[in-house]
């Protein structure tokens, strides 16, 4: 049982990889029902997934997997948006001729500069 409790999803581990690994550990234990297995998988997923997936949202591993894959896609989209916004801000700062050092001494971080007014 201790192996099951210790097997939590790592930061950059996909849900599908995690799911296969924890199912293997649970099945070696041998005494879990399908319902208990599903509950344990949900308990051990990375906490970030629980911002998107609530326990009442699924009743099977297939449904949980689908929600987890959607959550991963959403997180990837958010990272892409954040990257593009930082890139835009950096390019804007560069076009103004302001260096990172000048911003640092002024107490401004690159991310603090907003999108210009249209």
PDB file of N, CA and C in Angstrom:
ATOM      1  N   UNK A   1       0.825  -1.199   0.000  1.00  0.00           N
ATOM      2  CA  UNK A   1       0.000   0.000   0.000  1.00  0.00           C
ATOM      3  C   UNK A   1       0.867   1.260   0.000  1.00  0.00           C
ATOM      4  N   UNK A   2       2.000   1.213   0.678  1.00  0.00           N
ATOM      5  CA  UNK A   2       2.890   2.386   0.740  1.00  0.00           C
ATOM      6  C   UNK A   2       3.397   2.767  -0.642  1.00  0.00           C
ATOM      7  N   UNK A   3       3.654   1.764  -1.499  1.00  0.00           N
ATOM      8  CA  UNK A   3       4.105   2.045  -2.869  1.00  0.00           C
ATOM      9  C   UNK A   3       3.047   2.829  -3.642  1.00  0.00           C
ATOM     10  N   UNK A   4       1.795   2.491  -3.417  1.00  0.00           N
ATOM     11  CA  UNK A   4       0.695   3.169  -4.107  1.00  0.00           C
ATOM     12  C   UNK A   4       0.594   4.611  -3.641  1.00  0.00           C
ATOM     13  N   UNK A   5       0.711   4.842  -2.354  1.00  0.00           N
ATOM     14  CA  UNK A   5       0.624   6.200  -1.819  1.00  0.00           C
ATOM     15  C   UNK A   5       1.792   7.061  -2.284  1.00  0.00           C
ATOM     16  N   UNK A   6       2.961   6.445  -2.454  1.00  0.00           N
ATOM     17  CA  UNK A   6       4.151   7.191  -2.898  1.00  0.00           C
ATOM     18  C   UNK A   6       4.144   7.481  -4.391  1.00  0.00           C
ATOM     19  N   UNK A   7       3.401   6.710  -5.161  1.00  0.00           N
ATOM     20  CA  UNK A   7       3.402   6.883  -6.615  1.00  0.00           C
ATOM     21  C   UNK A   7       2.475   8.032  -6.991  1.00  0.00           C
ATOM     22  N   UNK A   8       3.022   9.230  -7.011  1.00  0.00           N
ATOM     23  CA  UNK A   8       2.261  10.403  -7.426  1.00  0.00           C
ATOM     24  C   UNK A   8       2.798  10.882  -8.763  1.00  0.00           C
ATOM     25  N   UNK A   9       1.962  11.625  -9.460  1.00  0.00           N
ATOM     26  CA  UNK A   9       2.344  12.118 -10.782  1.00  0.00           C
ATOM     27  C   UNK A   9       3.400  13.206 -10.654  1.00  0.00           C
ATOM     28  N   UNK A  10       4.453  13.076 -11.435  1.00  0.00           N
ATOM     29  CA  UNK A  10       5.532  14.066 -11.438  1.00  0.00           C
ATOM     30  C   UNK A  10       5.127  15.290 -12.243  1.00  0.00           C
ATOM     31  N   UNK A  11       5.814  16.388 -12.021  1.00  0.00           N
ATOM     32  CA  UNK A  11       5.486  17.676 -12.639  1.00  0.00           C
ATOM     33  C   UNK A  11       5.327  17.587 -14.159  1.00  0.00           C
ATOM     34  N   UNK A  12       6.262  16.985 -14.853  1.00  0.00           N
ATOM     35  CA  UNK A  12       6.224  16.961 -16.319  1.00  0.00           C
ATOM     36  C   UNK A  12       5.824  15.601 -16.888  1.00  0.00           C
ATOM     37  N   UNK A  13       5.222  14.768 -16.068  1.00  0.00           N
ATOM     38  CA  UNK A  13       4.794  13.442 -16.500  1.00  0.00           C
ATOM     39  C   UNK A  13       3.374  13.538 -17.069  1.00  0.00           C
ATOM     40  N   UNK A  14       3.161  12.986 -18.246  1.00  0.00           N
ATOM     41  CA  UNK A  14       1.814  13.021 -18.826  1.00  0.00           C
ATOM     42  C   UNK A  14       0.895  12.136 -17.994  1.00  0.00           C
ATOM     43  N   UNK A  15      -0.388  12.439 -18.071  1.00  0.00           N
ATOM     44  CA  UNK A  15      -1.354  11.633 -17.326  1.00  0.00           C
ATOM     45  C   UNK A  15      -1.325  10.188 -17.805  1.00  0.00           C
ATOM     46  N   UNK A  16      -1.228   9.982 -19.101  1.00  0.00           N
ATOM     47  CA  UNK A  16      -1.252   8.619 -19.629  1.00  0.00           C
ATOM     48  C   UNK A  16      -0.074   7.795 -19.117  1.00  0.00           C
ATOM     49  N   UNK A  17       1.131   8.404 -19.058  1.00  0.00           N
ATOM     50  CA  UNK A  17       2.297   7.696 -18.505  1.00  0.00           C
ATOM     51  C   UNK A  17       2.072   7.364 -17.026  1.00  0.00           C
ATOM     52  N   UNK A  18       1.617   8.375 -16.286  1.00  0.00           N
ATOM     53  CA  UNK A  18       1.348   8.184 -14.856  1.00  0.00           C
ATOM     54  C   UNK A  18       0.303   7.098 -14.639  1.00  0.00           C
ATOM     55  N   UNK A  19      -0.766   7.140 -15.410  1.00  0.00           N
ATOM     56  CA  UNK A  19      -1.865   6.197 -15.254  1.00  0.00           C
ATOM     57  C   UNK A  19      -1.389   4.753 -15.435  1.00  0.00           C
ATOM     58  N   UNK A  20      -0.587   4.515 -16.448  1.00  0.00           N
ATOM     59  CA  UNK A  20      -0.067   3.165 -16.692  1.00  0.00           C
ATOM     60  C   UNK A  20       0.796   2.697 -15.522  1.00  0.00           C
ATOM     61  N   UNK A  21       1.665   3.594 -15.041  1.00  0.00           N
ATOM     62  CA  UNK A  21       2.563   3.213 -13.939  1.00  0.00           C
ATOM     63  C   UNK A  21       1.795   2.925 -12.654  1.00  0.00           C
ATOM     64  N   UNK A  22       0.844   3.789 -12.299  1.00  0.00           N
ATOM     65  CA  UNK A  22       0.129   3.561 -11.037  1.00  0.00           C
ATOM     66  C   UNK A  22      -0.802   2.356 -11.130  1.00  0.00           C
ATOM     67  N   UNK A  23      -1.373   2.121 -12.311  1.00  0.00           N
ATOM     68  CA  UNK A  23      -2.212   0.921 -12.469  1.00  0.00           C
ATOM     69  C   UNK A  23      -1.388  -0.343 -12.260  1.00  0.00           C
ATOM     70  N   UNK A  24      -0.155  -0.327 -12.736  1.00  0.00           N
ATOM     71  CA  UNK A  24       0.733  -1.478 -12.545  1.00  0.00           C
ATOM     72  C   UNK A  24       0.985  -1.710 -11.061  1.00  0.00           C
ATOM     73  N   UNK A  25       1.275  -0.634 -10.329  1.00  0.00           N
ATOM     74  CA  UNK A  25       1.542  -0.738  -8.890  1.00  0.00           C
ATOM     75  C   UNK A  25       0.284  -1.216  -8.155  1.00  0.00           C
ATOM     76  N   UNK A  26      -0.872  -0.660  -8.512  1.00  0.00           N
ATOM     77  CA  UNK A  26      -2.134  -1.041  -7.862  1.00  0.00           C
ATOM     78  C   UNK A  26      -2.458  -2.512  -8.131  1.00  0.00           C
ATOM     79  N   UNK A  27      -2.280  -2.950  -9.347  1.00  0.00           N
ATOM     80  CA  UNK A  27      -2.624  -4.338  -9.695  1.00  0.00           C
ATOM     81  C   UNK A  27      -1.696  -5.347  -9.022  1.00  0.00           C
ATOM     82  N   UNK A  28      -0.454  -4.929  -8.760  1.00  0.00           N
ATOM     83  CA  UNK A  28       0.445  -5.809  -8.004  1.00  0.00           C
ATOM     84  C   UNK A  28      -0.080  -6.005  -6.585  1.00  0.00           C
ATOM     85  N   UNK A  29      -0.708  -4.969  -6.044  1.00  0.00           N
ATOM     86  CA  UNK A  29      -1.317  -5.048  -4.718  1.00  0.00           C
ATOM     87  C   UNK A  29      -2.449  -6.074  -4.728  1.00  0.00           C
ATOM     88  N   UNK A  30      -3.254  -6.029  -5.790  1.00  0.00           N
ATOM     89  CA  UNK A  30      -4.245  -7.067  -6.025  1.00  0.00           C
ATOM     90  C   UNK A  30      -5.571  -6.975  -5.302  1.00  0.00           C
ATOM     91  N   UNK A  31      -5.739  -6.054  -4.391  1.00  0.00           N
ATOM     92  CA  UNK A  31      -6.975  -6.058  -3.611  1.00  0.00           C
ATOM     93  C   UNK A  31      -7.877  -4.844  -3.858  1.00  0.00           C
ATOM     94  N   UNK A  32      -7.662  -4.136  -4.954  1.00  0.00           N
ATOM     95  CA  UNK A  32      -8.449  -2.942  -5.252  1.00  0.00           C
ATOM     96  C   UNK A  32      -9.589  -3.282  -6.196  1.00  0.00           C
ATOM     97  N   UNK A  33     -10.748  -2.720  -5.917  1.00  0.00           N
ATOM     98  CA  UNK A  33     -11.850  -2.807  -6.874  1.00  0.00           C
ATOM     99  C   UNK A  33     -11.599  -1.748  -7.947  1.00  0.00           C
ATOM    100  N   UNK A  34     -12.353  -1.813  -9.038  1.00  0.00           N
ATOM    101  CA  UNK A  34     -12.234  -0.819 -10.103  1.00  0.00           C
ATOM    102  C   UNK A  34     -12.510   0.575  -9.556  1.00  0.00           C
ATOM    103  N   UNK A  35     -13.491   0.686  -8.702  1.00  0.00           N
ATOM    104  CA  UNK A  35     -13.853   1.965  -8.091  1.00  0.00           C
ATOM    105  C   UNK A  35     -12.720   2.488  -7.195  1.00  0.00           C
ATOM    106  N   UNK A  36     -12.126   1.623  -6.403  1.00  0.00           N
ATOM    107  CA  UNK A  36     -11.015   2.031  -5.526  1.00  0.00           C
ATOM    108  C   UNK A  36      -9.796   2.433  -6.355  1.00  0.00           C
ATOM    109  N   UNK A  37      -9.561   1.708  -7.428  1.00  0.00           N
ATOM    110  CA  UNK A  37      -8.439   2.026  -8.312  1.00  0.00           C
ATOM    111  C   UNK A  37      -8.618   3.420  -8.916  1.00  0.00           C
ATOM    112  N   UNK A  38      -9.808   3.711  -9.411  1.00  0.00           N
ATOM    113  CA  UNK A  38     -10.097   5.015  -9.999  1.00  0.00           C
ATOM    114  C   UNK A  38      -9.923   6.122  -8.957  1.00  0.00           C
ATOM    115  N   UNK A  39     -10.413   5.891  -7.765  1.00  0.00           N
ATOM    116  CA  UNK A  39     -10.294   6.872  -6.683  1.00  0.00           C
ATOM    117  C   UNK A  39      -8.822   7.128  -6.343  1.00  0.00           C
ATOM    118  N   UNK A  40      -8.024   6.069  -6.306  1.00  0.00           N
ATOM    119  CA  UNK A  40      -6.599   6.221  -5.966  1.00  0.00           C
ATOM    120  C   UNK A  40      -5.843   6.956  -7.072  1.00  0.00           C
ATOM    121  N   UNK A  41      -6.163   6.673  -8.307  1.00  0.00           N
ATOM    122  CA  UNK A  41      -5.515   7.370  -9.420  1.00  0.00           C
ATOM    123  C   UNK A  41      -5.821   8.854  -9.330  1.00  0.00           C
ATOM    124  N   UNK A  42      -7.079   9.197  -9.081  1.00  0.00           N
ATOM    125  CA  UNK A  42      -7.457  10.610  -8.961  1.00  0.00           C
ATOM    126  C   UNK A  42      -6.747  11.267  -7.776  1.00  0.00           C
ATOM    127  N   UNK A  43      -6.654  10.570  -6.671  1.00  0.00           N
ATOM    128  CA  UNK A  43      -5.995  11.098  -5.480  1.00  0.00           C
ATOM    129  C   UNK A  43      -4.518  11.389  -5.746  1.00  0.00           C
ATOM    130  N   UNK A  44      -3.896  10.565  -6.573  1.00  0.00           N
ATOM    131  CA  UNK A  44      -2.452  10.671  -6.788  1.00  0.00           C
ATOM    132  C   UNK A  44      -2.042  11.535  -7.981  1.00  0.00           C
ATOM    133  N   UNK A  45      -3.023  12.055  -8.753  1.00  0.00           N
ATOM    134  CA  UNK A  45      -2.642  12.903  -9.880  1.00  0.00           C
ATOM    135  C   UNK A  45      -2.040  14.204  -9.357  1.00  0.00           C
ATOM    136  N   UNK A  46      -1.310  14.873 -10.226  1.00  0.00           N
ATOM    137  CA  UNK A  46      -0.705  16.155  -9.873  1.00  0.00           C
ATOM    138  C   UNK A  46      -1.816  17.130  -9.480  1.00  0.00           C
ATOM    139  N   UNK A  47      -1.620  17.893  -8.398  1.00  0.00           N
ATOM    140  CA  UNK A  47      -2.672  18.805  -7.930  1.00  0.00           C
ATOM    141  C   UNK A  47      -3.173  19.789  -8.987  1.00  0.00           C
ATOM    142  N   UNK A  48      -2.352  20.145  -9.946  1.00  0.00           N
ATOM    143  CA  UNK A  48      -2.772  21.067 -10.993  1.00  0.00           C
ATOM    144  C   UNK A  48      -3.945  20.551 -11.803  1.00  0.00           C
ATOM    145  N   UNK A  49      -4.069  19.246 -11.931  1.00  0.00           N
ATOM    146  CA  UNK A  49      -5.190  18.666 -12.673  1.00  0.00           C
ATOM    147  C   UNK A  49      -6.496  18.898 -11.938  1.00  0.00           C
ATOM    148  N   UNK A  50      -6.429  18.904 -10.608  1.00  0.00           N
ATOM    149  CA  UNK A  50      -7.662  19.055  -9.834  1.00  0.00           C
ATOM    150  C   UNK A  50      -8.229  20.466  -9.916  1.00  0.00           C
ATOM    151  N   UNK A  51      -7.464  21.415 -10.455  1.00  0.00           N
ATOM    152  CA  UNK A  51      -8.027  22.739 -10.745  1.00  0.00           C
ATOM    153  C   UNK A  51      -9.010  22.655 -11.902  1.00  0.00           C
ATOM    154  N   UNK A  52      -8.816  21.668 -12.742  1.00  0.00           N
ATOM    155  CA  UNK A  52      -9.634  21.504 -13.949  1.00  0.00           C
ATOM    156  C   UNK A  52     -10.631  20.347 -13.823  1.00  0.00           C
ATOM    157  N   UNK A  53     -10.242  19.304 -13.095  1.00  0.00           N
ATOM    158  CA  UNK A  53     -11.042  18.083 -13.013  1.00  0.00           C
ATOM    159  C   UNK A  53     -11.540  17.897 -11.577  1.00  0.00           C
ATOM    160  N   UNK A  54     -12.834  17.847 -11.416  1.00  0.00           N
ATOM    161  CA  UNK A  54     -13.414  17.541 -10.112  1.00  0.00           C
ATOM    162  C   UNK A  54     -13.867  16.088 -10.108  1.00  0.00           C
ATOM    163  N   UNK A  55     -13.912  15.508  -8.943  1.00  0.00           N
ATOM    164  CA  UNK A  55     -14.233  14.081  -8.830  1.00  0.00           C
ATOM    165  C   UNK A  55     -15.594  13.743  -9.446  1.00  0.00           C
ATOM    166  N   UNK A  56     -16.520  14.638  -9.360  1.00  0.00           N
ATOM    167  CA  UNK A  56     -17.860  14.359  -9.898  1.00  0.00           C
ATOM    168  C   UNK A  56     -17.921  14.406 -11.428  1.00  0.00           C
ATOM    169  N   UNK A  57     -16.812  14.825 -12.074  1.00  0.00           N
ATOM    170  CA  UNK A  57     -16.789  14.996 -13.525  1.00  0.00           C
ATOM    171  C   UNK A  57     -16.579  13.697 -14.306  1.00  0.00           C
ATOM    172  N   UNK A  58     -16.268  12.599 -13.627  1.00  0.00           N
ATOM    173  CA  UNK A  58     -15.978  11.351 -14.340  1.00  0.00           C
ATOM    174  C   UNK A  58     -16.433  10.158 -13.506  1.00  0.00           C
ATOM    175  N   UNK A  59     -16.697   9.067 -14.209  1.00  0.00           N
ATOM    176  CA  UNK A  59     -17.089   7.839 -13.508  1.00  0.00           C
ATOM    177  C   UNK A  59     -16.287   6.629 -13.988  1.00  0.00           C
ATOM    178  N   UNK A  60     -15.341   6.877 -14.896  1.00  0.00           N
ATOM    179  CA  UNK A  60     -14.511   5.785 -15.396  1.00  0.00           C
ATOM    180  C   UNK A  60     -13.102   6.311 -15.676  1.00  0.00           C
ATOM    181  N   UNK A  61     -12.170   5.388 -15.800  1.00  0.00           N
ATOM    182  CA  UNK A  61     -10.798   5.776 -16.126  1.00  0.00           C
ATOM    183  C   UNK A  61     -10.738   6.405 -17.514  1.00  0.00           C
ATOM    184  N   UNK A  62     -11.553   5.924 -18.422  1.00  0.00           N
ATOM    185  CA  UNK A  62     -11.589   6.490 -19.771  1.00  0.00           C
ATOM    186  C   UNK A  62     -12.001   7.963 -19.714  1.00  0.00           C
ATOM    187  N   UNK A  63     -13.025   8.276 -18.934  1.00  0.00           N
ATOM    188  CA  UNK A  63     -13.472   9.667 -18.803  1.00  0.00           C
ATOM    189  C   UNK A  63     -12.413  10.527 -18.106  1.00  0.00           C
ATOM    190  N   UNK A  64     -11.796   9.995 -17.056  1.00  0.00           N
ATOM    191  CA  UNK A  64     -10.730  10.727 -16.364  1.00  0.00           C
ATOM    192  C   UNK A  64      -9.570  10.996 -17.314  1.00  0.00           C
ATOM    193  N   UNK A  65      -9.206  10.009 -18.108  1.00  0.00           N
ATOM    194  CA  UNK A  65      -8.109  10.173 -19.070  1.00  0.00           C
ATOM    195  C   UNK A  65      -8.445  11.265 -20.075  1.00  0.00           C
ATOM    196  N   UNK A  66      -9.668  11.258 -20.573  1.00  0.00           N
ATOM    197  CA  UNK A  66     -10.083  12.278 -21.538  1.00  0.00           C
ATOM    198  C   UNK A  66      -9.988  13.677 -20.919  1.00  0.00           C
ATOM    199  N   UNK A  67     -10.448  13.842 -19.690  1.00  0.00           N
ATOM    200  CA  UNK A  67     -10.377  15.136 -19.018  1.00  0.00           C
ATOM    201  C   UNK A  67      -8.927  15.553 -18.759  1.00  0.00           C
ATOM    202  N   UNK A  68      -8.094  14.587 -18.400  1.00  0.00           N
ATOM    203  CA  UNK A  68      -6.686  14.881 -18.137  1.00  0.00           C
ATOM    204  C   UNK A  68      -5.969  15.323 -19.415  1.00  0.00           C
ATOM    205  N   UNK A  69      -6.255  14.665 -20.523  1.00  0.00           N
ATOM    206  CA  UNK A  69      -5.657  15.039 -21.804  1.00  0.00           C
ATOM    207  C   UNK A  69      -6.115  16.445 -22.204  1.00  0.00           C
ATOM    208  N   UNK A  70      -7.397  16.750 -21.980  1.00  0.00           N
ATOM    209  CA  UNK A  70      -7.895  18.105 -22.247  1.00  0.00           C
ATOM    210  C   UNK A  70      -7.191  19.132 -21.359  1.00  0.00           C
ATOM    211  N   UNK A  71      -6.985  18.783 -20.106  1.00  0.00           N
ATOM    212  CA  UNK A  71      -6.288  19.672 -19.172  1.00  0.00           C
ATOM    213  C   UNK A  71      -4.851  19.925 -19.622  1.00  0.00           C
ATOM    214  N   UNK A  72      -4.182  18.872 -20.077  1.00  0.00           N
ATOM    215  CA  UNK A  72      -2.806  19.027 -20.572  1.00  0.00           C
ATOM    216  C   UNK A  72      -2.771  19.940 -21.794  1.00  0.00           C
ATOM    217  N   UNK A  73      -3.729  19.778 -22.688  1.00  0.00           N
ATOM    218  CA  UNK A  73      -3.782  20.632 -23.886  1.00  0.00           C
ATOM    219  C   UNK A  73      -4.019  22.086 -23.488  1.00  0.00           C
ATOM    220  N   UNK A  74      -4.902  22.302 -22.523  1.00  0.00           N
ATOM    221  CA  UNK A  74      -5.168  23.660 -22.035  1.00  0.00           C
ATOM    222  C   UNK A  74      -3.914  24.267 -21.415  1.00  0.00           C
ATOM    223  N   UNK A  75      -3.212  23.491 -20.609  1.00  0.00           N
ATOM    224  CA  UNK A  75      -1.986  23.991 -19.988  1.00  0.00           C
ATOM    225  C   UNK A  75      -0.933  24.331 -21.044  1.00  0.00           C
ATOM    226  N   UNK A  76      -0.830  23.514 -22.075  1.00  0.00           N
ATOM    227  CA  UNK A  76       0.114  23.803 -23.163  1.00  0.00           C
ATOM    228  C   UNK A  76      -0.271  25.083 -23.895  1.00  0.00           C
ATOM    229  N   UNK A  77      -1.579  25.278 -24.124  1.00  0.00           N
ATOM    230  CA  UNK A  77      -2.049  26.507 -24.773  1.00  0.00           C
ATOM    231  C   UNK A  77      -1.721  27.731 -23.922  1.00  0.00           C
ATOM    232  N   UNK A  78      -1.923  27.616 -22.604  1.00  0.00           N
ATOM    233  CA  UNK A  78      -1.619  28.734 -21.712  1.00  0.00           C
ATOM    234  C   UNK A  78      -0.129  29.063 -21.717  1.00  0.00           C
ATOM    235  N   UNK A  79       0.707  28.030 -21.715  1.00  0.00           N
ATOM    236  CA  UNK A  79       2.155  28.262 -21.767  1.00  0.00           C
ATOM    237  C   UNK A  79       2.544  28.959 -23.061  1.00  0.00           C
ATOM    238  N   UNK A  80       1.935  28.545 -24.176  1.00  0.00           N
ATOM    239  CA  UNK A  80       2.210  29.167 -25.463  1.00  0.00           C
ATOM    240  C   UNK A  80       1.795  30.635 -25.448  1.00  0.00           C
ATOM    241  N   UNK A  81       0.623  30.927 -24.899  1.00  0.00           N
ATOM    242  CA  UNK A  81       0.158  32.319 -24.812  1.00  0.00           C
ATOM    243  C   UNK A  81       1.100  33.155 -23.950  1.00  0.00           C
ATOM    244  N   UNK A  82       1.508  32.615 -22.802  1.00  0.00           N
ATOM    245  CA  UNK A  82       2.417  33.341 -21.922  1.00  0.00           C
ATOM    246  C   UNK A  82       3.751  33.595 -22.610  1.00  0.00           C
ATOM    247  N   UNK A  83       4.259  32.579 -23.326  1.00  0.00           N
ATOM    248  CA  UNK A  83       5.522  32.748 -24.044  1.00  0.00           C
ATOM    249  C   UNK A  83       5.395  33.841 -25.094  1.00  0.00           C
ATOM    250  N   UNK A  84       4.309  33.785 -25.867  1.00  0.00           N
ATOM    251  CA  UNK A  84       4.113  34.793 -26.928  1.00  0.00           C
ATOM    252  C   UNK A  84       3.968  36.193 -26.348  1.00  0.00           C
ATOM    253  N   UNK A  85       3.300  36.311 -25.203  1.00  0.00           N
ATOM    254  CA  UNK A  85       3.150  37.618 -24.568  1.00  0.00           C
ATOM    255  C   UNK A  85       4.494  38.138 -24.082  1.00  0.00           C
ATOM    256  N   UNK A  86       5.312  37.262 -23.462  1.00  0.00           N
ATOM    257  CA  UNK A  86       6.647  37.688 -23.015  1.00  0.00           C
ATOM    258  C   UNK A  86       7.504  38.088 -24.203  1.00  0.00           C
ATOM    259  N   UNK A  87       7.412  37.309 -25.298  1.00  0.00           N
ATOM    260  CA  UNK A  87       8.183  37.614 -26.498  1.00  0.00           C
ATOM    261  C   UNK A  87       7.762  38.978 -27.063  1.00  0.00           C
ATOM    262  N   UNK A  88       6.445  39.228 -27.127  1.00  0.00           N
ATOM    263  CA  UNK A  88       5.940  40.504 -27.623  1.00  0.00           C
ATOM    264  C   UNK A  88       6.459  41.657 -26.751  1.00  0.00           C
ATOM    265  N   UNK A  89       6.370  41.482 -25.437  1.00  0.00           N
ATOM    266  CA  UNK A  89       6.833  42.538 -24.529  1.00  0.00           C
ATOM    267  C   UNK A  89       8.333  42.786 -24.686  1.00  0.00           C
ATOM    268  N   UNK A  90       9.095  41.709 -24.838  1.00  0.00           N
ATOM    269  CA  UNK A  90      10.541  41.868 -25.010  1.00  0.00           C
ATOM    270  C   UNK A  90      10.836  42.620 -26.303  1.00  0.00           C
ATOM    271  N   UNK A  91      10.133  42.230 -27.388  1.00  0.00           N
ATOM    272  CA  UNK A  91      10.353  42.909 -28.666  1.00  0.00           C
ATOM    273  C   UNK A  91       9.958  44.379 -28.575  1.00  0.00           C
ATOM    274  N   UNK A  92       8.887  44.667 -27.858  1.00  0.00           N
ATOM    275  CA  UNK A  92       8.435  46.054 -27.684  1.00  0.00           C
ATOM    276  C   UNK A  92       9.470  46.858 -26.903  1.00  0.00           C
ATOM    277  N   UNK A  93       9.986  46.247 -25.837  1.00  0.00           N
ATOM    278  CA  UNK A  93      11.013  46.918 -25.037  1.00  0.00           C
ATOM    279  C   UNK A  93      12.240  47.181 -25.890  1.00  0.00           C
ATOM    280  N   UNK A  94      12.636  46.167 -26.658  1.00  0.00           N
ATOM    281  CA  UNK A  94      13.817  46.316 -27.517  1.00  0.00           C
ATOM    282  C   UNK A  94      13.616  47.428 -28.536  1.00  0.00           C
ATOM    283  N   UNK A  95      12.406  47.535 -29.075  1.00  0.00           N
ATOM    284  CA  UNK A  95      12.148  48.567 -30.088  1.00  0.00           C
ATOM    285  C   UNK A  95      12.176  49.969 -29.478  1.00  0.00           C
ATOM    286  N   UNK A  96      11.962  50.060 -28.176  1.00  0.00           N
ATOM    287  CA  UNK A  96      12.021  51.354 -27.498  1.00  0.00           C
ATOM    288  C   UNK A  96      13.454  51.757 -27.166  1.00  0.00           C
ATOM    289  N   UNK A  97      14.364  50.805 -27.343  1.00  0.00           N
ATOM    290  CA  UNK A  97      15.763  51.075 -27.045  1.00  0.00           C
ATOM    291  C   UNK A  97      16.077  50.968 -25.560  1.00  0.00           C
ATOM    292  N   UNK A  98      15.159  50.406 -24.793  1.00  0.00           N
ATOM    293  CA  UNK A  98      15.364  50.253 -23.360  1.00  0.00           C
ATOM    294  C   UNK A  98      16.026  48.909 -23.107  1.00  0.00           C
ATOM    295  N   UNK A  99      17.089  48.931 -22.342  1.00  0.00           N
ATOM    296  CA  UNK A  99      17.780  47.680 -22.050  1.00  0.00           C
ATOM    297  C   UNK A  99      17.204  47.049 -20.787  1.00  0.00           C
ATOM    298  N   UNK A 100      17.461  45.779 -20.634  1.00  0.00           N
ATOM    299  CA  UNK A 100      17.019  45.069 -19.440  1.00  0.00           C
ATOM    300  C   UNK A 100      17.630  45.699 -18.199  1.00  0.00           C
ATOM    301  N   UNK A 101      18.889  46.108 -18.282  1.00  0.00           N
ATOM    302  CA  UNK A 101      19.551  46.733 -17.136  1.00  0.00           C
ATOM    303  C   UNK A 101      18.858  48.034 -16.751  1.00  0.00           C
ATOM    304  N   UNK A 102      18.458  48.839 -17.735  1.00  0.00           N
ATOM    305  CA  UNK A 102      17.752  50.087 -17.445  1.00  0.00           C
ATOM    306  C   UNK A 102      16.422  49.809 -16.759  1.00  0.00           C
ATOM    307  N   UNK A 103      15.730  48.779 -17.216  1.00  0.00           N
ATOM    308  CA  UNK A 103      14.468  48.410 -16.587  1.00  0.00           C
ATOM    309  C   UNK A 103      14.689  47.912 -15.167  1.00  0.00           C
ATOM    310  N   UNK A 104      15.756  47.139 -14.975  1.00  0.00           N
ATOM    311  CA  UNK A 104      16.070  46.611 -13.656  1.00  0.00           C
ATOM    312  C   UNK A 104      16.294  47.751 -12.670  1.00  0.00           C
ATOM    313  N   UNK A 105      17.102  48.719 -13.073  1.00  0.00           N
ATOM    314  CA  UNK A 105      17.400  49.823 -12.163  1.00  0.00           C
ATOM    315  C   UNK A 105      16.192  50.729 -11.958  1.00  0.00           C
ATOM    316  N   UNK A 106      15.253  50.697 -12.895  1.00  0.00           N
ATOM    317  CA  UNK A 106      14.022  51.467 -12.732  1.00  0.00           C
ATOM    318  C   UNK A 106      12.985  50.676 -11.925  1.00  0.00           C
ATOM    319  N   UNK A 107      13.307  49.420 -11.585  1.00  0.00           N
ATOM    320  CA  UNK A 107      12.398  48.588 -10.805  1.00  0.00           C
ATOM    321  C   UNK A 107      11.272  47.993 -11.626  1.00  0.00           C
ATOM    322  N   UNK A 108      11.455  47.883 -12.919  1.00  0.00           N
ATOM    323  CA  UNK A 108      10.423  47.350 -13.803  1.00  0.00           C
ATOM    324  C   UNK A 108      10.908  46.027 -14.381  1.00  0.00           C
ATOM    325  N   UNK A 109      10.054  45.032 -14.336  1.00  0.00           N
ATOM    326  CA  UNK A 109      10.373  43.762 -14.975  1.00  0.00           C
ATOM    327  C   UNK A 109       9.807  43.783 -16.385  1.00  0.00           C
ATOM    328  N   UNK A 110      10.378  42.972 -17.249  1.00  0.00           N
ATOM    329  CA  UNK A 110       9.921  42.944 -18.636  1.00  0.00           C
ATOM    330  C   UNK A 110       8.441  42.621 -18.731  1.00  0.00           C
ATOM    331  N   UNK A 111       7.929  41.743 -17.888  1.00  0.00           N
ATOM    332  CA  UNK A 111       6.532  41.356 -17.928  1.00  0.00           C
ATOM    333  C   UNK A 111       5.586  42.458 -17.464  1.00  0.00           C
ATOM    334  N   UNK A 112       6.131  43.509 -16.821  1.00  0.00           N
ATOM    335  CA  UNK A 112       5.291  44.602 -16.330  1.00  0.00           C
ATOM    336  C   UNK A 112       4.836  45.551 -17.424  1.00  0.00           C
ATOM    337  N   UNK A 113       5.466  45.498 -18.567  1.00  0.00           N
ATOM    338  CA  UNK A 113       5.114  46.424 -19.632  1.00  0.00           C
ATOM    339  C   UNK A 113       3.951  45.847 -20.393  1.00  0.00           C
ATOM    340  N   UNK A 114       2.852  46.557 -20.429  1.00  0.00           N
ATOM    341  CA  UNK A 114       1.620  46.029 -21.000  1.00  0.00           C
ATOM    342  C   UNK A 114       1.551  46.217 -22.509  1.00  0.00           C
ATOM    343  N   UNK A 115       0.477  45.750 -23.049  1.00  0.00           N
ATOM    344  CA  UNK A 115       0.218  45.882 -24.476  1.00  0.00           C
ATOM    345  C   UNK A 115      -0.099  47.343 -24.768  1.00  0.00           C
ATOM    346  N   UNK A 116       0.490  47.911 -25.803  1.00  0.00           N
ATOM    347  CA  UNK A 116       0.267  49.334 -26.093  1.00  0.00           C
ATOM    348  C   UNK A 116      -1.173  49.599 -26.490  1.00  0.00           C
ATOM    349  N   UNK A 117      -1.611  50.828 -26.274  1.00  0.00           N
ATOM    350  CA  UNK A 117      -2.952  51.235 -26.700  1.00  0.00           C
ATOM    351  C   UNK A 117      -3.012  51.294 -28.216  1.00  0.00           C
ATOM    352  N   UNK A 118      -4.133  50.863 -28.755  1.00  0.00           N
ATOM    353  CA  UNK A 118      -4.274  50.831 -30.222  1.00  0.00           C
ATOM    354  C   UNK A 118      -4.549  52.206 -30.766  1.00  0.00           C
TER     355      UNK A 118
END
